[in-house]
N, C-alpha and C. Protein backbone atom coordinates (compact mmCIF):
# COMPACT_ATOMS: atom_id res chain seq x y z
N MET A 1 151.23 41.64 150.89
CA MET A 1 149.86 41.66 151.36
C MET A 1 149.83 41.45 152.86
N THR A 2 148.95 42.15 153.54
CA THR A 2 148.86 42.08 154.99
C THR A 2 147.78 41.10 155.44
N ASP A 3 147.93 40.61 156.66
CA ASP A 3 146.92 39.73 157.24
C ASP A 3 145.94 40.50 158.13
N ARG A 4 146.15 41.79 158.25
CA ARG A 4 145.25 42.63 159.06
C ARG A 4 144.58 43.66 158.18
N TRP A 5 143.32 43.86 158.40
CA TRP A 5 142.56 44.88 157.69
C TRP A 5 141.93 45.79 158.73
N VAL A 6 141.80 47.05 158.43
CA VAL A 6 141.22 48.05 159.34
C VAL A 6 139.89 48.51 158.76
N ILE A 7 138.88 48.58 159.60
CA ILE A 7 137.56 49.04 159.17
C ILE A 7 137.45 50.53 159.46
N HIS A 8 137.09 51.30 158.46
CA HIS A 8 136.83 52.73 158.61
C HIS A 8 135.33 52.90 158.47
N LEU A 9 134.69 53.39 159.50
CA LEU A 9 133.24 53.47 159.54
C LEU A 9 132.81 54.92 159.75
N PRO A 10 132.59 55.66 158.69
CA PRO A 10 132.18 57.06 158.84
C PRO A 10 130.79 57.19 159.47
N ILE A 11 130.73 57.91 160.56
CA ILE A 11 129.48 58.22 161.25
C ILE A 11 129.55 59.71 161.56
N THR A 12 128.50 60.45 161.31
CA THR A 12 128.56 61.90 161.53
C THR A 12 128.01 62.28 162.89
N ALA A 13 128.51 63.38 163.41
CA ALA A 13 128.06 63.99 164.67
C ALA A 13 128.14 65.50 164.48
N PRO A 14 127.35 66.26 165.23
CA PRO A 14 127.31 67.71 165.01
C PRO A 14 128.54 68.48 165.51
N ASP A 15 129.32 67.88 166.44
CA ASP A 15 130.49 68.59 166.95
C ASP A 15 131.49 67.59 167.54
N LEU A 16 132.70 68.07 167.88
CA LEU A 16 133.77 67.20 168.38
C LEU A 16 133.41 66.50 169.68
N PRO A 17 132.87 67.18 170.69
CA PRO A 17 132.54 66.45 171.93
C PRO A 17 131.55 65.31 171.70
N ARG A 18 130.52 65.56 170.91
CA ARG A 18 129.54 64.49 170.66
C ARG A 18 130.11 63.40 169.77
N ALA A 19 131.02 63.74 168.88
CA ALA A 19 131.68 62.72 168.06
C ALA A 19 132.51 61.81 168.96
N ARG A 20 133.22 62.39 169.92
CA ARG A 20 134.02 61.58 170.85
C ARG A 20 133.13 60.68 171.71
N ILE A 21 132.03 61.22 172.21
CA ILE A 21 131.10 60.42 173.03
C ILE A 21 130.57 59.25 172.21
N PHE A 22 130.12 59.52 171.00
CA PHE A 22 129.57 58.47 170.15
C PHE A 22 130.64 57.43 169.83
N ALA A 23 131.85 57.88 169.52
CA ALA A 23 132.94 56.96 169.19
C ALA A 23 133.30 56.09 170.39
N ARG A 24 133.35 56.66 171.60
CA ARG A 24 133.64 55.87 172.80
C ARG A 24 132.56 54.81 173.00
N THR A 25 131.32 55.22 172.86
CA THR A 25 130.21 54.28 173.05
C THR A 25 130.28 53.15 172.03
N ALA A 26 130.48 53.50 170.77
CA ALA A 26 130.56 52.48 169.72
C ALA A 26 131.74 51.54 169.97
N ALA A 27 132.88 52.08 170.34
CA ALA A 27 134.06 51.25 170.58
C ALA A 27 133.83 50.28 171.73
N ARG A 28 133.21 50.77 172.81
CA ARG A 28 132.96 49.90 173.96
C ARG A 28 131.98 48.78 173.63
N VAL A 29 130.94 49.11 172.88
CA VAL A 29 129.97 48.08 172.48
C VAL A 29 130.63 47.04 171.58
N LEU A 30 131.38 47.51 170.59
CA LEU A 30 132.05 46.58 169.68
C LEU A 30 133.12 45.75 170.39
N ALA A 31 133.80 46.33 171.38
CA ALA A 31 134.83 45.59 172.11
C ALA A 31 134.22 44.43 172.90
N ARG A 32 132.96 44.57 173.30
CA ARG A 32 132.29 43.46 173.99
C ARG A 32 131.98 42.31 173.03
N LEU A 33 131.87 42.65 171.76
CA LEU A 33 131.54 41.63 170.75
C LEU A 33 132.78 40.93 170.20
N SER A 34 133.93 41.62 170.21
CA SER A 34 135.13 41.04 169.62
C SER A 34 136.38 41.58 170.31
N ALA A 35 137.30 40.68 170.61
CA ALA A 35 138.57 41.07 171.22
C ALA A 35 139.48 41.77 170.20
N ARG A 36 139.10 41.78 168.95
CA ARG A 36 139.90 42.41 167.90
C ARG A 36 139.71 43.92 167.82
N VAL A 37 138.77 44.45 168.58
CA VAL A 37 138.55 45.90 168.58
C VAL A 37 139.63 46.56 169.42
N GLU A 38 140.35 47.50 168.84
CA GLU A 38 141.40 48.24 169.55
C GLU A 38 140.85 49.62 169.89
N ALA A 39 140.10 49.71 170.98
CA ALA A 39 139.43 50.95 171.35
C ALA A 39 140.41 52.10 171.55
N GLY A 40 141.58 51.82 172.05
CA GLY A 40 142.56 52.88 172.29
C GLY A 40 143.00 53.60 171.03
N GLY A 41 142.81 52.99 169.88
CA GLY A 41 143.22 53.60 168.62
C GLY A 41 142.13 54.41 167.94
N VAL A 42 140.97 54.56 168.59
CA VAL A 42 139.85 55.26 167.97
C VAL A 42 140.12 56.76 167.92
N THR A 43 139.90 57.34 166.75
CA THR A 43 140.03 58.78 166.56
C THR A 43 138.81 59.30 165.81
N VAL A 44 138.59 60.60 165.89
CA VAL A 44 137.54 61.26 165.11
C VAL A 44 138.16 62.43 164.37
N SER A 45 137.50 62.85 163.30
CA SER A 45 138.00 63.98 162.51
C SER A 45 136.83 64.73 161.89
N ALA A 46 137.08 65.97 161.51
CA ALA A 46 136.09 66.72 160.75
C ALA A 46 135.98 66.09 159.37
N GLU A 47 134.78 66.09 158.82
CA GLU A 47 134.56 65.43 157.53
C GLU A 47 135.48 65.97 156.44
N ASP A 48 135.70 67.28 156.44
CA ASP A 48 136.53 67.87 155.38
C ASP A 48 138.00 68.01 155.79
N GLU A 49 138.37 67.49 156.96
CA GLU A 49 139.76 67.48 157.42
C GLU A 49 140.08 66.12 158.04
N GLN A 50 139.90 65.07 157.28
CA GLN A 50 140.07 63.74 157.83
C GLN A 50 141.52 63.40 158.15
N HIS A 51 142.44 64.22 157.71
CA HIS A 51 143.86 64.01 158.05
C HIS A 51 144.18 64.57 159.44
N VAL A 52 143.28 65.35 160.04
CA VAL A 52 143.47 65.89 161.39
C VAL A 52 142.62 65.05 162.34
N ARG A 53 143.28 64.16 163.08
CA ARG A 53 142.58 63.21 163.94
C ARG A 53 142.61 63.67 165.39
N HIS A 54 141.53 63.39 166.12
CA HIS A 54 141.41 63.70 167.54
C HIS A 54 141.20 62.38 168.28
N TRP A 55 142.05 62.12 169.27
CA TRP A 55 141.95 60.87 170.03
C TRP A 55 140.67 60.85 170.84
N VAL A 56 140.13 59.65 171.08
CA VAL A 56 138.90 59.46 171.82
C VAL A 56 139.20 58.96 173.24
N PHE A 57 140.14 58.03 173.36
CA PHE A 57 140.51 57.47 174.67
C PHE A 57 141.90 57.95 175.07
N CYS A 58 142.15 58.01 176.38
CA CYS A 58 143.47 58.39 176.91
C CYS A 58 144.52 57.37 176.46
N ASP A 59 144.31 56.09 176.74
CA ASP A 59 145.15 54.97 176.32
C ASP A 59 146.57 55.00 176.88
N ARG A 60 146.82 55.75 177.97
CA ARG A 60 148.15 55.72 178.60
C ARG A 60 148.42 54.36 179.21
N LEU A 61 149.68 53.95 179.20
CA LEU A 61 150.07 52.71 179.88
C LEU A 61 149.90 52.89 181.38
N LEU A 62 149.39 51.86 182.05
CA LEU A 62 149.18 51.89 183.49
C LEU A 62 150.23 51.05 184.19
N PRO A 63 150.56 51.39 185.44
CA PRO A 63 151.50 50.56 186.19
C PRO A 63 150.95 49.14 186.31
N GLY A 64 151.76 48.17 186.09
CA GLY A 64 151.33 46.78 186.17
C GLY A 64 150.70 46.26 184.89
N GLY A 65 150.69 47.07 183.84
CA GLY A 65 150.14 46.64 182.56
C GLY A 65 148.74 47.16 182.31
N GLY A 66 148.32 47.07 181.11
CA GLY A 66 147.01 47.58 180.73
C GLY A 66 147.08 49.04 180.30
N ARG A 67 145.96 49.55 179.82
CA ARG A 67 145.89 50.93 179.34
C ARG A 67 144.69 51.63 179.94
N CYS A 68 144.78 52.94 180.02
CA CYS A 68 143.70 53.76 180.56
C CYS A 68 142.50 53.71 179.60
N ALA A 69 141.32 53.46 180.17
CA ALA A 69 140.09 53.35 179.37
C ALA A 69 139.23 54.61 179.44
N LEU A 70 139.76 55.66 180.07
CA LEU A 70 138.99 56.89 180.22
C LEU A 70 139.10 57.77 178.97
N PRO A 71 138.20 58.72 178.83
CA PRO A 71 138.27 59.64 177.68
C PRO A 71 139.57 60.43 177.68
N THR A 72 139.99 60.84 176.51
CA THR A 72 141.17 61.69 176.41
C THR A 72 140.93 62.98 177.18
N GLU A 73 141.97 63.57 177.70
CA GLU A 73 141.92 64.83 178.46
C GLU A 73 141.10 64.72 179.75
N HIS A 74 140.98 63.50 180.33
CA HIS A 74 140.25 63.35 181.59
C HIS A 74 141.05 64.00 182.72
N LEU A 75 140.35 64.39 183.78
CA LEU A 75 141.00 65.07 184.91
C LEU A 75 141.27 64.13 186.09
N SER A 76 140.58 63.01 186.15
CA SER A 76 140.77 62.06 187.24
C SER A 76 141.98 61.17 186.94
N PRO A 77 142.45 60.41 187.93
CA PRO A 77 143.56 59.50 187.68
C PRO A 77 143.19 58.45 186.63
N CYS A 78 144.17 58.00 185.88
CA CYS A 78 143.94 56.98 184.85
C CYS A 78 143.37 55.71 185.50
N SER A 79 142.57 54.98 184.72
CA SER A 79 141.92 53.78 185.22
C SER A 79 141.74 52.78 184.08
N ARG A 80 141.71 51.49 184.43
CA ARG A 80 141.46 50.45 183.44
C ARG A 80 140.00 50.41 183.02
N ARG A 81 139.13 50.96 183.87
CA ARG A 81 137.69 50.92 183.60
C ARG A 81 137.13 52.32 183.48
N ALA A 82 136.19 52.47 182.59
CA ALA A 82 135.51 53.75 182.43
C ALA A 82 134.63 54.00 183.65
N ARG A 83 134.60 55.22 184.10
CA ARG A 83 133.74 55.59 185.22
C ARG A 83 132.41 56.08 184.67
N TRP A 84 131.35 55.57 185.21
CA TRP A 84 130.02 55.97 184.76
C TRP A 84 129.51 57.08 185.66
N PRO A 85 128.94 58.13 185.12
CA PRO A 85 128.41 59.23 185.93
C PRO A 85 127.43 58.72 186.98
N GLY A 86 127.56 59.22 188.21
CA GLY A 86 126.65 58.84 189.27
C GLY A 86 127.02 57.56 190.00
N ARG A 87 128.03 56.84 189.53
CA ARG A 87 128.46 55.61 190.19
C ARG A 87 129.77 55.84 190.91
N ARG A 88 129.98 55.08 191.98
CA ARG A 88 131.23 55.20 192.73
C ARG A 88 132.00 53.92 192.69
């Protein structure tokens, strides 16, 4: 028996980009509530192909420790913090 349990929370979205956006938002909100949320492990899948997972966060290791918090397939350099549109 394991001491860790994983929560699977099915939420629907009309397409992959919006599923990723919703998943990122949900992960960030939940991570503020509990240090047990592993946002880097968040994936999304089509309802009828749940074995085909699509990553939500980049999660690459960064120099000096930590992981990239940006969306997967981002074009900017990796960062520990998500960049908000319109902010510098």
